[in-house]
PDB file of N, CA and C in Angstrom:
ATOM      1  N   MET A   1      24.044  14.810  -9.575  1.00  0.00           N
ATOM      2  CA  MET A   1      23.029  14.617  -8.566  1.00  0.00           C
ATOM      3  C   MET A   1      21.919  13.698  -9.074  1.00  0.00           C
ATOM      4  N   GLY A   2      21.257  14.058 -10.126  1.00  0.00           N
ATOM      5  CA  GLY A   2      20.141  13.283 -10.628  1.00  0.00           C
ATOM      6  C   GLY A   2      19.012  14.197 -11.025  1.00  0.00           C
ATOM      7  N   ALA A   3      18.021  13.648 -11.666  1.00  0.00           N
ATOM      8  CA  ALA A   3      16.868  14.417 -12.117  1.00  0.00           C
ATOM      9  C   ALA A   3      15.596  13.815 -11.528  1.00  0.00           C
ATOM     10  N   ARG A   4      14.503  14.507 -11.711  1.00  0.00           N
ATOM     11  CA  ARG A   4      13.252  14.118 -11.057  1.00  0.00           C
ATOM     12  C   ARG A   4      12.684  12.782 -11.535  1.00  0.00           C
ATOM     13  N   GLY A   5      13.044  12.353 -12.727  1.00  0.00           N
ATOM     14  CA  GLY A   5      12.564  11.069 -13.219  1.00  0.00           C
ATOM     15  C   GLY A   5      13.416   9.888 -12.789  1.00  0.00           C
ATOM     16  N   ASP A   6      14.613  10.173 -12.279  1.00  0.00           N
ATOM     17  CA  ASP A   6      15.538   9.094 -11.916  1.00  0.00           C
ATOM     18  C   ASP A   6      14.994   8.106 -10.882  1.00  0.00           C
ATOM     19  N   PRO A   7      14.296   8.552  -9.835  1.00  0.00           N
ATOM     20  CA  PRO A   7      13.769   7.567  -8.874  1.00  0.00           C
ATOM     21  C   PRO A   7      12.805   6.556  -9.501  1.00  0.00           C
ATOM     22  N   TYR A   8      12.032   6.994 -10.489  1.00  0.00           N
ATOM     23  CA  TYR A   8      11.104   6.071 -11.148  1.00  0.00           C
ATOM     24  C   TYR A   8      11.870   5.046 -11.986  1.00  0.00           C
ATOM     25  N   LEU A   9      12.954   5.496 -12.610  1.00  0.00           N
ATOM     26  CA  LEU A   9      13.793   4.563 -13.361  1.00  0.00           C
ATOM     27  C   LEU A   9      14.474   3.584 -12.409  1.00  0.00           C
ATOM     28  N   TRP A  10      14.954   4.058 -11.260  1.00  0.00           N
ATOM     29  CA  TRP A  10      15.541   3.170 -10.241  1.00  0.00           C
ATOM     30  C   TRP A  10      14.551   2.054  -9.906  1.00  0.00           C
ATOM     31  N   ASP A  11      13.308   2.440  -9.644  1.00  0.00           N
ATOM     32  CA  ASP A  11      12.284   1.458  -9.254  1.00  0.00           C
ATOM     33  C   ASP A  11      12.069   0.415 -10.341  1.00  0.00           C
ATOM     34  N   GLU A  12      11.978   0.864 -11.581  1.00  0.00           N
ATOM     35  CA  GLU A  12      11.754  -0.090 -12.665  1.00  0.00           C
ATOM     36  C   GLU A  12      12.975  -0.972 -12.916  1.00  0.00           C
ATOM     37  N   LEU A  13      14.154  -0.404 -12.780  1.00  0.00           N
ATOM     38  CA  LEU A  13      15.363  -1.216 -12.932  1.00  0.00           C
ATOM     39  C   LEU A  13      15.460  -2.262 -11.830  1.00  0.00           C
ATOM     40  N   GLU A  14      15.062  -1.896 -10.630  1.00  0.00           N
ATOM     41  CA  GLU A  14      15.063  -2.866  -9.527  1.00  0.00           C
ATOM     42  C   GLU A  14      14.184  -4.064  -9.875  1.00  0.00           C
ATOM     43  N   GLN A  15      13.027  -3.807 -10.429  1.00  0.00           N
ATOM     44  CA  GLN A  15      12.130  -4.895 -10.826  1.00  0.00           C
ATOM     45  C   GLN A  15      12.731  -5.711 -11.969  1.00  0.00           C
ATOM     46  N   ALA A  16      13.323  -5.034 -12.932  1.00  0.00           N
ATOM     47  CA  ALA A  16      13.907  -5.731 -14.083  1.00  0.00           C
ATOM     48  C   ALA A  16      15.061  -6.636 -13.660  1.00  0.00           C
ATOM     49  N   PHE A  17      15.876  -6.174 -12.716  1.00  0.00           N
ATOM     50  CA  PHE A  17      17.038  -6.943 -12.271  1.00  0.00           C
ATOM     51  C   PHE A  17      16.689  -8.015 -11.241  1.00  0.00           C
ATOM     52  N   ALA A  18      15.465  -8.090 -10.824  1.00  0.00           N
ATOM     53  CA  ALA A  18      15.064  -9.081  -9.821  1.00  0.00           C
ATOM     54  C   ALA A  18      15.322 -10.516 -10.297  1.00  0.00           C
ATOM     55  N   THR A  19      15.364 -10.710 -11.595  1.00  0.00           N
ATOM     56  CA  THR A  19      15.558 -12.057 -12.138  1.00  0.00           C
ATOM     57  C   THR A  19      17.012 -12.348 -12.501  1.00  0.00           C
ATOM     58  N   ILE A  20      17.904 -11.380 -12.304  1.00  0.00           N
ATOM     59  CA  ILE A  20      19.314 -11.546 -12.661  1.00  0.00           C
ATOM     60  C   ILE A  20      20.097 -11.992 -11.428  1.00  0.00           C
ATOM     61  N   SER A  21      20.881 -13.035 -11.592  1.00  0.00           N
ATOM     62  CA  SER A  21      21.676 -13.573 -10.494  1.00  0.00           C
ATOM     63  C   SER A  21      22.804 -12.627 -10.121  1.00  0.00           C
ATOM     64  N   LEU A  22      23.056 -12.493  -8.826  1.00  0.00           N
ATOM     65  CA  LEU A  22      24.162 -11.664  -8.358  1.00  0.00           C
ATOM     66  C   LEU A  22      25.522 -12.289  -8.670  1.00  0.00           C
ATOM     67  N   SER A  23      25.522 -13.523  -9.117  1.00  0.00           N
ATOM     68  CA  SER A  23      26.780 -14.166  -9.494  1.00  0.00           C
ATOM     69  C   SER A  23      27.131 -13.927 -10.966  1.00  0.00           C
ATOM     70  N   CYS A  24      26.360 -13.077 -11.649  1.00  0.00           N
ATOM     71  CA  CYS A  24      26.628 -12.807 -13.065  1.00  0.00           C
ATOM     72  C   CYS A  24      27.927 -12.014 -13.219  1.00  0.00           C
ATOM     73  N   SER A  25      28.470 -12.055 -14.393  1.00  0.00           N
ATOM     74  CA  SER A  25      29.706 -11.312 -14.664  1.00  0.00           C
ATOM     75  C   SER A  25      29.399  -9.821 -14.804  1.00  0.00           C
ATOM     76  N   LYS A  26      30.435  -9.031 -14.654  1.00  0.00           N
ATOM     77  CA  LYS A  26      30.304  -7.577 -14.816  1.00  0.00           C
ATOM     78  C   LYS A  26      29.838  -7.250 -16.240  1.00  0.00           C
ATOM     79  N   ALA A  27      30.408  -7.933 -17.230  1.00  0.00           N
ATOM     80  CA  ALA A  27      30.034  -7.698 -18.630  1.00  0.00           C
ATOM     81  C   ALA A  27      28.562  -8.020 -18.869  1.00  0.00           C
ATOM     82  N   TYR A  28      28.100  -9.138 -18.309  1.00  0.00           N
ATOM     83  CA  TYR A  28      26.692  -9.512 -18.464  1.00  0.00           C
ATOM     84  C   TYR A  28      25.798  -8.471 -17.794  1.00  0.00           C
ATOM     85  N   PHE A  29      26.182  -8.033 -16.605  1.00  0.00           N
ATOM     86  CA  PHE A  29      25.400  -7.030 -15.889  1.00  0.00           C
ATOM     87  C   PHE A  29      25.278  -5.748 -16.721  1.00  0.00           C
ATOM     88  N   ILE A  30      26.390  -5.304 -17.286  1.00  0.00           N
ATOM     89  CA  ILE A  30      26.369  -4.084 -18.105  1.00  0.00           C
ATOM     90  C   ILE A  30      25.480  -4.277 -19.328  1.00  0.00           C
ATOM     91  N   ASP A  31      25.595  -5.428 -19.981  1.00  0.00           N
ATOM     92  CA  ASP A  31      24.732  -5.718 -21.140  1.00  0.00           C
ATOM     93  C   ASP A  31      23.262  -5.659 -20.758  1.00  0.00           C
ATOM     94  N   GLN A  32      22.924  -6.278 -19.629  1.00  0.00           N
ATOM     95  CA  GLN A  32      21.534  -6.277 -19.173  1.00  0.00           C
ATOM     96  C   GLN A  32      21.087  -4.872 -18.775  1.00  0.00           C
ATOM     97  N   PHE A  33      21.965  -4.136 -18.107  1.00  0.00           N
ATOM     98  CA  PHE A  33      21.639  -2.767 -17.725  1.00  0.00           C
ATOM     99  C   PHE A  33      21.301  -1.936 -18.966  1.00  0.00           C
ATOM    100  N   GLU A  34      22.164  -2.015 -19.980  1.00  0.00           N
ATOM    101  CA  GLU A  34      21.935  -1.248 -21.202  1.00  0.00           C
ATOM    102  C   GLU A  34      20.644  -1.674 -21.896  1.00  0.00           C
ATOM    103  N   LYS A  35      20.377  -2.956 -21.896  1.00  0.00           N
ATOM    104  CA  LYS A  35      19.140  -3.472 -22.502  1.00  0.00           C
ATOM    105  C   LYS A  35      17.915  -2.959 -21.740  1.00  0.00           C
ATOM    106  N   PHE A  36      17.931  -3.097 -20.423  1.00  0.00           N
ATOM    107  CA  PHE A  36      16.799  -2.630 -19.618  1.00  0.00           C
ATOM    108  C   PHE A  36      16.620  -1.123 -19.736  1.00  0.00           C
ATOM    109  N   PHE A  37      17.726  -0.368 -19.719  1.00  0.00           N
ATOM    110  CA  PHE A  37      17.658   1.085 -19.849  1.00  0.00           C
ATOM    111  C   PHE A  37      16.950   1.453 -21.146  1.00  0.00           C
ATOM    112  N   GLN A  38      17.348   0.811 -22.229  1.00  0.00           N
ATOM    113  CA  GLN A  38      16.729   1.067 -23.542  1.00  0.00           C
ATOM    114  C   GLN A  38      15.236   0.731 -23.516  1.00  0.00           C
ATOM    115  N   GLU A  39      14.898  -0.426 -22.963  1.00  0.00           N
ATOM    116  CA  GLU A  39      13.505  -0.851 -22.916  1.00  0.00           C
ATOM    117  C   GLU A  39      12.649   0.099 -22.069  1.00  0.00           C
ATOM    118  N   LEU A  40      13.187   0.556 -20.954  1.00  0.00           N
ATOM    119  CA  LEU A  40      12.414   1.381 -20.026  1.00  0.00           C
ATOM    120  C   LEU A  40      12.325   2.848 -20.429  1.00  0.00           C
ATOM    121  N   THR A  41      13.360   3.360 -21.101  1.00  0.00           N
ATOM    122  CA  THR A  41      13.385   4.783 -21.422  1.00  0.00           C
ATOM    123  C   THR A  41      13.203   5.086 -22.909  1.00  0.00           C
ATOM    124  N   ASN A  42      13.364   4.081 -23.741  1.00  0.00           N
ATOM    125  CA  ASN A  42      13.348   4.244 -25.196  1.00  0.00           C
ATOM    126  C   ASN A  42      14.519   5.111 -25.666  1.00  0.00           C
ATOM    127  N   HIS A  43      15.602   5.102 -24.910  1.00  0.00           N
ATOM    128  CA  HIS A  43      16.831   5.815 -25.242  1.00  0.00           C
ATOM    129  C   HIS A  43      18.001   4.857 -25.031  1.00  0.00           C
ATOM    130  N   THR A  44      19.023   4.993 -25.861  1.00  0.00           N
ATOM    131  CA  THR A  44      20.210   4.183 -25.666  1.00  0.00           C
ATOM    132  C   THR A  44      21.001   4.701 -24.476  1.00  0.00           C
ATOM    133  N   PHE A  45      21.740   3.831 -23.850  1.00  0.00           N
ATOM    134  CA  PHE A  45      22.585   4.224 -22.731  1.00  0.00           C
ATOM    135  C   PHE A  45      24.015   4.432 -23.191  1.00  0.00           C
ATOM    136  N   LYS A  46      24.536   3.455 -23.870  1.00  0.00           N
ATOM    137  CA  LYS A  46      25.941   3.484 -24.296  1.00  0.00           C
ATOM    138  C   LYS A  46      26.160   4.612 -25.303  1.00  0.00           C
ATOM    139  N   ASP A  47      27.184   5.393 -25.058  1.00  0.00           N
ATOM    140  CA  ASP A  47      27.578   6.489 -25.946  1.00  0.00           C
ATOM    141  C   ASP A  47      26.520   7.583 -26.091  1.00  0.00           C
ATOM    142  N   ASN A  48      25.570   7.650 -25.170  1.00  0.00           N
ATOM    143  CA  ASN A  48      24.573   8.711 -25.205  1.00  0.00           C
ATOM    144  C   ASN A  48      25.222   9.968 -24.634  1.00  0.00           C
ATOM    145  N   LYS A  49      25.337  10.999 -25.445  1.00  0.00           N
ATOM    146  CA  LYS A  49      26.035  12.229 -25.051  1.00  0.00           C
ATOM    147  C   LYS A  49      25.091  13.303 -24.513  1.00  0.00           C
ATOM    148  N   GLU A  50      23.806  13.019 -24.461  1.00  0.00           N
ATOM    149  CA  GLU A  50      22.855  14.004 -23.950  1.00  0.00           C
ATOM    150  C   GLU A  50      23.043  14.183 -22.449  1.00  0.00           C
ATOM    151  N   CYS A  51      22.816  15.390 -21.963  1.00  0.00           N
ATOM    152  CA  CYS A  51      22.878  15.648 -20.512  1.00  0.00           C
ATOM    153  C   CYS A  51      21.667  15.045 -19.825  1.00  0.00           C
ATOM    154  N   GLU A  52      20.518  15.244 -20.429  1.00  0.00           N
ATOM    155  CA  GLU A  52      19.271  14.703 -19.887  1.00  0.00           C
ATOM    156  C   GLU A  52      18.420  14.181 -21.023  1.00  0.00           C
ATOM    157  N   ILE A  53      17.600  13.206 -20.695  1.00  0.00           N
ATOM    158  CA  ILE A  53      16.600  12.705 -21.630  1.00  0.00           C
ATOM    159  C   ILE A  53      15.245  12.859 -20.976  1.00  0.00           C
ATOM    160  N   PHE A  54      14.204  12.874 -21.770  1.00  0.00           N
ATOM    161  CA  PHE A  54      12.852  12.986 -21.241  1.00  0.00           C
ATOM    162  C   PHE A  54      12.123  11.675 -21.471  1.00  0.00           C
ATOM    163  N   VAL A  55      11.473  11.168 -20.416  1.00  0.00           N
ATOM    164  CA  VAL A  55      10.696   9.935 -20.498  1.00  0.00           C
ATOM    165  C   VAL A  55       9.287  10.266 -19.999  1.00  0.00           C
ATOM    166  N   GLU A  56       8.350  10.249 -20.910  1.00  0.00           N
ATOM    167  CA  GLU A  56       6.972  10.671 -20.616  1.00  0.00           C
ATOM    168  C   GLU A  56       6.370   9.946 -19.422  1.00  0.00           C
ATOM    169  N   LYS A  57       6.564   8.639 -19.321  1.00  0.00           N
ATOM    170  CA  LYS A  57       5.924   7.883 -18.236  1.00  0.00           C
ATOM    171  C   LYS A  57       6.434   8.272 -16.854  1.00  0.00           C
ATOM    172  N   TYR A  58       7.594   8.941 -16.793  1.00  0.00           N
ATOM    173  CA  TYR A  58       8.127   9.403 -15.510  1.00  0.00           C
ATOM    174  C   TYR A  58       7.727  10.844 -15.209  1.00  0.00           C
ATOM    175  N   ALA A  59       6.984  11.469 -16.099  1.00  0.00           N
ATOM    176  CA  ALA A  59       6.519  12.842 -15.898  1.00  0.00           C
ATOM    177  C   ALA A  59       5.294  12.804 -14.992  1.00  0.00           C
ATOM    178  N   ARG A  60       5.479  13.196 -13.767  1.00  0.00           N
ATOM    179  CA  ARG A  60       4.403  13.106 -12.778  1.00  0.00           C
ATOM    180  C   ARG A  60       4.134  14.456 -12.120  1.00  0.00           C
ATOM    181  N   GLY A  61       4.421  15.516 -12.841  1.00  0.00           N
ATOM    182  CA  GLY A  61       4.170  16.860 -12.345  1.00  0.00           C
ATOM    183  C   GLY A  61       5.441  17.582 -11.979  1.00  0.00           C
ATOM    184  N   GLY A  62       5.450  18.869 -12.218  1.00  0.00           N
ATOM    185  CA  GLY A  62       6.629  19.675 -11.921  1.00  0.00           C
ATOM    186  C   GLY A  62       7.373  20.035 -13.184  1.00  0.00           C
ATOM    187  N   MET A  63       8.184  21.052 -13.055  1.00  0.00           N
ATOM    188  CA  MET A  63       8.844  21.618 -14.222  1.00  0.00           C
ATOM    189  C   MET A  63       9.825  20.658 -14.898  1.00  0.00           C
ATOM    190  N   SER A  64      10.604  19.924 -14.166  1.00  0.00           N
ATOM    191  CA  SER A  64      11.579  19.009 -14.778  1.00  0.00           C
ATOM    192  C   SER A  64      11.143  17.552 -14.661  1.00  0.00           C
ATOM    193  N   SER A  65       9.884  17.345 -14.384  1.00  0.00           N
ATOM    194  CA  SER A  65       9.365  15.996 -14.227  1.00  0.00           C
ATOM    195  C   SER A  65       9.563  15.196 -15.511  1.00  0.00           C
ATOM    196  N   GLY A  66       9.974  13.963 -15.359  1.00  0.00           N
ATOM    197  CA  GLY A  66      10.218  13.082 -16.494  1.00  0.00           C
ATOM    198  C   GLY A  66      11.640  13.117 -17.004  1.00  0.00           C
ATOM    199  N   SER A  67      12.460  13.981 -16.430  1.00  0.00           N
ATOM    200  CA  SER A  67      13.851  14.096 -16.858  1.00  0.00           C
ATOM    201  C   SER A  67      14.708  13.013 -16.213  1.00  0.00           C
ATOM    202  N   ILE A  68      15.588  12.442 -17.024  1.00  0.00           N
ATOM    203  CA  ILE A  68      16.564  11.461 -16.570  1.00  0.00           C
ATOM    204  C   ILE A  68      17.936  12.053 -16.823  1.00  0.00           C
ATOM    205  N   SER A  69      18.771  12.075 -15.804  1.00  0.00           N
ATOM    206  CA  SER A  69      20.118  12.619 -15.931  1.00  0.00           C
ATOM    207  C   SER A  69      21.066  11.548 -16.456  1.00  0.00           C
ATOM    208  N   MET A  70      21.494  11.704 -17.696  1.00  0.00           N
ATOM    209  CA  MET A  70      22.434  10.743 -18.272  1.00  0.00           C
ATOM    210  C   MET A  70      23.769  10.809 -17.531  1.00  0.00           C
ATOM    211  N   GLU A  71      24.186  11.994 -17.152  1.00  0.00           N
ATOM    212  CA  GLU A  71      25.442  12.144 -16.422  1.00  0.00           C
ATOM    213  C   GLU A  71      25.403  11.352 -15.117  1.00  0.00           C
ATOM    214  N   PHE A  72      24.291  11.440 -14.396  1.00  0.00           N
ATOM    215  CA  PHE A  72      24.147  10.688 -13.154  1.00  0.00           C
ATOM    216  C   PHE A  72      24.244   9.193 -13.410  1.00  0.00           C
ATOM    217  N   TRP A  73      23.533   8.697 -14.393  1.00  0.00           N
ATOM    218  CA  TRP A  73      23.524   7.256 -14.650  1.00  0.00           C
ATOM    219  C   TRP A  73      24.870   6.760 -15.150  1.00  0.00           C
ATOM    220  N   GLN A  74      25.523   7.544 -15.986  1.00  0.00           N
ATOM    221  CA  GLN A  74      26.803   7.115 -16.547  1.00  0.00           C
ATOM    222  C   GLN A  74      27.960   7.256 -15.565  1.00  0.00           C
ATOM    223  N   ARG A  75      27.965   8.322 -14.778  1.00  0.00           N
ATOM    224  CA  ARG A  75      29.115   8.583 -13.898  1.00  0.00           C
ATOM    225  C   ARG A  75      28.935   8.094 -12.468  1.00  0.00           C
ATOM    226  N   GLU A  76      27.699   7.973 -12.014  1.00  0.00           N
ATOM    227  CA  GLU A  76      27.474   7.603 -10.619  1.00  0.00           C
ATOM    228  C   GLU A  76      26.684   6.308 -10.436  1.00  0.00           C
ATOM    229  N   ALA A  77      25.519   6.220 -11.050  1.00  0.00           N
ATOM    230  CA  ALA A  77      24.623   5.093 -10.772  1.00  0.00           C
ATOM    231  C   ALA A  77      25.181   3.758 -11.262  1.00  0.00           C
ATOM    232  N   LEU A  78      25.589   3.676 -12.532  1.00  0.00           N
ATOM    233  CA  LEU A  78      26.113   2.402 -13.030  1.00  0.00           C
ATOM    234  C   LEU A  78      27.379   1.993 -12.277  1.00  0.00           C
ATOM    235  N   PRO A  79      28.351   2.889 -12.052  1.00  0.00           N
ATOM    236  CA  PRO A  79      29.508   2.483 -11.250  1.00  0.00           C
ATOM    237  C   PRO A  79      29.122   2.031  -9.836  1.00  0.00           C
ATOM    238  N   LEU A  80      28.142   2.677  -9.223  1.00  0.00           N
ATOM    239  CA  LEU A  80      27.661   2.267  -7.907  1.00  0.00           C
ATOM    240  C   LEU A  80      27.080   0.858  -7.956  1.00  0.00           C
ATOM    241  N   LEU A  81      26.271   0.588  -8.964  1.00  0.00           N
ATOM    242  CA  LEU A  81      25.671  -0.738  -9.102  1.00  0.00           C
ATOM    243  C   LEU A  81      26.733  -1.805  -9.348  1.00  0.00           C
ATOM    244  N   LEU A  82      27.722  -1.485 -10.155  1.00  0.00           N
ATOM    245  CA  LEU A  82      28.803  -2.443 -10.413  1.00  0.00           C
ATOM    246  C   LEU A  82      29.610  -2.707  -9.148  1.00  0.00           C
ATOM    247  N   ASN A  83      29.822  -1.688  -8.352  1.00  0.00           N
ATOM    248  CA  ASN A  83      30.515  -1.848  -7.084  1.00  0.00           C
ATOM    249  C   ASN A  83      29.714  -2.746  -6.151  1.00  0.00           C
ATOM    250  N   ARG A  84      28.425  -2.544  -6.094  1.00  0.00           N
ATOM    251  CA  ARG A  84      27.562  -3.377  -5.261  1.00  0.00           C
ATOM    252  C   ARG A  84      27.542  -4.812  -5.747  1.00  0.00           C
ATOM    253  N   LEU A  85      27.575  -5.004  -7.061  1.00  0.00           N
ATOM    254  CA  LEU A  85      27.613  -6.349  -7.629  1.00  0.00           C
ATOM    255  C   LEU A  85      28.876  -7.072  -7.177  1.00  0.00           C
ATOM    256  N   GLU A  86      30.014  -6.401  -7.242  1.00  0.00           N
ATOM    257  CA  GLU A  86      31.274  -6.998  -6.829  1.00  0.00           C
ATOM    258  C   GLU A  86      31.267  -7.340  -5.326  1.00  0.00           C
ATOM    259  N   LYS A  87      30.710  -6.471  -4.530  1.00  0.00           N
ATOM    260  CA  LYS A  87      30.651  -6.721  -3.081  1.00  0.00           C
ATOM    261  C   LYS A  87      29.716  -7.883  -2.735  1.00  0.00           C
ATOM    262  N   ALA A  88      28.701  -8.104  -3.572  1.00  0.00           N
ATOM    263  CA  ALA A  88      27.736  -9.161  -3.328  1.00  0.00           C
ATOM    264  C   ALA A  88      28.305 -10.551  -3.644  1.00  0.00           C
ATOM    265  N   LYS A  89      29.366 -10.601  -4.412  1.00  0.00           N
ATOM    266  CA  LYS A  89      29.957 -11.892  -4.809  1.00  0.00           C
ATOM    267  C   LYS A  89      30.783 -12.493  -3.712  1.00  0.00           C
TER     268      LYS A  89
END
């Protein structure tokens, strides 16, 4: 499903990807995604086995505030973005 910090990460990733061409390759997109994820969360994306990570800047109140669901990003969000990239070409 996702965690309470995920919408804030979505917003920042949208801004980060604003400069990336939709004609980029899938490999380039994944490289950029992993780079931006690391820069925005201070956590690696690739091979991260944690269920959730905590990102202080996304903590905006509430018990699970600031939590990012690694499972959501690895199993749902990145595949969704890659699918959208392919459809945009």
